Amino acid sequence: MTTAHESGLLGASDEDHLRFASREQRVLITQDADFLAMHQAGAVHAGIAYYEPGQRPLGDLLKHLCLIHDCMTEAEMQGRVEYM
């Protein structure tokens, strides 16, 4: 896992975040609905894991992320949004 800070992307545009994640073949984990709009508009990405702010405890989110990791291949996540 890589954070925006570790990637030097603090303050970068959403498009830059999605391009970085796609280039690195990483699923983007976010609570920013702008990424859902980008997906709907046809943006290329390696996968988006979306959760609504304040809807689930952190432990539940981590369990869901582990489930995605364990059950889906990289190819299956390509261009897909998983709602947590």
Protein backbone atom coordinates (compact mmCIF):
# COMPACT_ATOMS: atom_id res chain seq x y z
CA MET A 1 0.00 0.00 0.00
CA THR A 2 1.19 3.51 -0.80
CA THR A 3 -0.25 6.74 0.55
CA ALA A 4 -0.65 10.00 -1.37
CA HIS A 5 2.02 11.48 0.88
CA GLU A 6 4.50 8.68 0.18
CA SER A 7 3.84 9.02 -3.55
CA GLY A 8 4.44 12.78 -3.55
CA LEU A 9 0.83 13.41 -4.57
CA LEU A 10 -0.40 15.58 -1.69
CA GLY A 11 -2.29 18.45 -3.27
CA ALA A 12 -2.28 16.77 -6.71
CA SER A 13 -5.41 16.63 -8.84
CA ASP A 14 -7.75 13.65 -8.77
CA GLU A 15 -6.68 12.91 -12.33
CA ASP A 16 -3.03 12.74 -11.23
CA HIS A 17 -3.93 10.33 -8.42
CA LEU A 18 -5.84 8.07 -10.80
CA ARG A 19 -3.06 8.16 -13.42
CA PHE A 20 -0.45 7.26 -10.79
CA ALA A 21 -2.54 4.37 -9.45
CA SER A 22 -3.19 3.11 -12.97
CA ARG A 23 0.47 3.35 -13.99
CA GLU A 24 1.51 1.48 -10.84
CA GLN A 25 -1.34 -1.06 -11.26
CA ARG A 26 -2.74 -0.16 -7.84
CA VAL A 27 -6.34 -0.04 -6.69
CA LEU A 28 -7.26 3.46 -5.54
CA ILE A 29 -8.95 3.47 -2.13
CA THR A 30 -11.05 6.58 -1.66
CA GLN A 31 -14.07 8.24 -0.14
CA ASP A 32 -14.03 10.97 -2.81
CA ALA A 33 -17.06 10.56 -5.08
CA ASP A 34 -15.26 12.50 -7.84
CA PHE A 35 -13.48 9.24 -8.68
CA LEU A 36 -16.85 7.57 -9.28
CA ALA A 37 -17.69 10.31 -11.78
CA MET A 38 -14.32 9.79 -13.48
CA HIS A 39 -15.06 6.06 -13.71
CA GLN A 40 -18.51 6.75 -15.19
CA ALA A 41 -16.88 9.07 -17.73
CA GLY A 42 -14.67 6.19 -18.92
CA ALA A 43 -11.39 6.90 -17.13
CA VAL A 44 -8.90 4.05 -17.35
CA HIS A 45 -7.87 2.69 -13.94
CA ALA A 46 -6.63 -0.42 -12.16
CA GLY A 47 -9.63 -0.42 -9.84
CA ILE A 48 -11.34 1.81 -7.30
CA ALA A 49 -12.42 0.80 -3.81
CA TYR A 50 -14.93 3.41 -2.67
CA TYR A 51 -16.46 3.98 0.73
CA GLU A 52 -18.77 6.74 1.92
CA PRO A 53 -17.32 8.90 4.69
CA GLY A 54 -18.47 7.92 8.18
CA GLN A 55 -20.56 4.96 7.07
CA ARG A 56 -18.39 2.10 8.36
CA PRO A 57 -15.85 1.57 11.11
CA LEU A 58 -12.22 1.34 10.01
CA GLY A 59 -12.06 -2.35 10.95
CA ASP A 60 -14.93 -3.15 8.56
CA LEU A 61 -13.19 -1.27 5.75
CA LEU A 62 -9.97 -3.19 6.33
CA LYS A 63 -11.84 -6.51 6.32
CA HIS A 64 -13.51 -5.57 3.04
CA LEU A 65 -10.17 -4.58 1.49
CA CYS A 66 -8.66 -7.90 2.55
CA LEU A 67 -11.63 -9.71 1.01
CA ILE A 68 -11.17 -7.85 -2.28
CA HIS A 69 -7.46 -8.72 -2.24
CA ASP A 70 -8.10 -12.38 -1.48
CA CYS A 71 -11.00 -12.92 -3.91
CA MET A 72 -10.21 -10.83 -6.96
CA THR A 73 -7.33 -10.93 -9.37
CA GLU A 74 -5.59 -7.86 -10.71
CA ALA A 75 -7.32 -8.44 -14.05
CA GLU A 76 -10.74 -8.69 -12.39
CA MET A 77 -10.26 -5.34 -10.61
CA GLN A 78 -9.14 -3.57 -13.81
CA GLY A 79 -11.66 -0.80 -14.56
CA ARG A 80 -13.96 -1.92 -11.74
CA VAL A 81 -15.40 -0.07 -8.75
CA GLU A 82 -15.96 -1.99 -5.52
CA TYR A 83 -18.28 -0.27 -3.04
CA MET A 84 -17.47 -0.90 0.59
